[in-house]
Amino acid sequence: MISLKRTVATAPSSMCEYWASQDGRFGWFLCTWHPEDHHALEEIQAEIKLTILNSDIQRVSKLEAGKWLKEFFAEFHWKLHALFNKTEIKEKGISLFLALMYENELHFVQFGRLFCALGNDKSIKPVGLKWENYHVKSLKQLRLLGMDAEEIKTKVQKVVIPEKHFFLVLPGPITRKLFGDNFDPGSVKVLLDSMSQSPDANWLLLSNEPELVKTKKRRFNTLHIATFTLIFFTIIAILYVIFGNRFFEGAWRNLRTLFQSNKPVSIHEIPDKLNIDNDKIRGYIKQALNSPLREVEINLSWNTDLPYQVTVAPCFDLDNIYIAGGRFLTAYSKRNQRALKWKKEFDSDVLGISYINGNILVSLEDSKVCNLNSKGEELWMQDMEGQVKLYHSLKPIELTNADNPRIDGSIIILPSEYGIMVIDALSGEVLHQVTFKDKLQYLSQYDSFQSCFYAVVQDAMLCLDLKILN
């Protein structure tokens, strides 16, 4: 299949344009070149491009390609002739190459100093107009499009690009530099790159690359599936024989021996005869059925120093963490690197804070209760008969499946002065334990959204992740 390797053009003296169908089997390629660098060439180049785009070139069949090219340029030549005569450009004509591609076959026309070559890594040969001694030809002999005030002869060329070959379109000055005495066809791409900064840089390089063969997706039939299943169970059986101590075979053999013996045996004696430890098996089954989880860990996620001494247990909502100390209540963001969001001062010390119904309930030392929203705005203040104790910090916390779907049954988080234990609520087994160097002052409730607790140890806040495996 034909692929476009590279195009180079230097405005306004040259232009390279192309179009291809979605499957890449049909397309057209356009190159123009002019030796001058006049601003009027911009209008002429734009007119050439628009005329081709607005034509019916995309609907031309392979059989009609030659006829269409001749009729198109017979008319377009006069249009360009009129445009050039309105300008101050010295050379009132332009070099042009236009090709129609049908798979790996090109139908093309050449005008002026644009030349074509077909080659591979070992050899190269000219196609269409010859580039030798073009520089000594007259303007009339060069057949520039739009130059003469007479009908222009359009010769349609055909070329098939074989596989692993390239097709190259070049202006005359670049052709003379490229195809010297020591020209190596295998290095044509490198040589072109070395001349990309030249004022005359303008070329089109096409290549016929071999199509990639799509590998068929392997589909498994019934025989394959049955074979894989048999191999799988064979491997399981081998592993069982090697590492399983043949428990079932030994038990079955003992059971047959037991029933084949002449001595009667009561049903209660069967486990003893089979060397089965009932208590041990019962323990394994009980542990598997009743354990709330397989593994649990408390890990430190992050810690941060606090700006003042905390005097109550922290609380939280979906977005913020709230801590209080003395007469101050502070809100920190959970997401934005624990940035300070707001800080509020009360008339008396804070005795406790709790997150209730989407708001923060604050108990004060002067027997008042204040309700704040998540922005720190006061919603209401109420006088009480006495002080209100909202939440005692180091009390046991029960976690169930409602708090974390990975929990079967329930576990108890049991904080103490210097550590935290995770205990199976049913059996009392210690599942995990952490110890702090300093005294644990406060522990928040369980944050089920973040799966963590917030603890105050000394003058720092710790985020403790509860990692559960089940």
Foldseek 3Di string as FASTA:
>chain_A
DKDWDDWAADPPFKDWDKDADPVRQKIKIKIKGDPDHDPLSNVVVVVVVVVVVPDPLVVADPVCVVVVVLVVLQVVLQVQLVSLVVDPDPQSFIWMKMWIGGRQKIKIWTAAFKWKWKFAQADIDTFDDDLPPSVVDDNVVRHGRSHDPDGGDTDIGMDGHDARMKMKIFGNVVVDVQPDPPHGSNCSVVSLVVCSPPPRNTMTMMHHYDDDDDDDDDDDDPVNVVVVVVVVVVVVVVCCVVPVVPLVVLLVVQVVVQVPDPDDDDPVCSCVSSVHDVVVVVVVVCCVVQAFADAKDKDFPDKDFAPDDFDEAWDDDPFWIWTFDWQKIWIFGPPPVRHTQDMDGDPGGWQYWDQDPQWIWTWGQQQKIWIGHPNRDTPDIGHHPHTDHDDDFQDKAKDACVLPVSTHQIWIWHDDQFWIWIADPPPRDTRDIDGHPFTWDGKYHQDSVQQWIWTDGDRMITTIHMDTHD
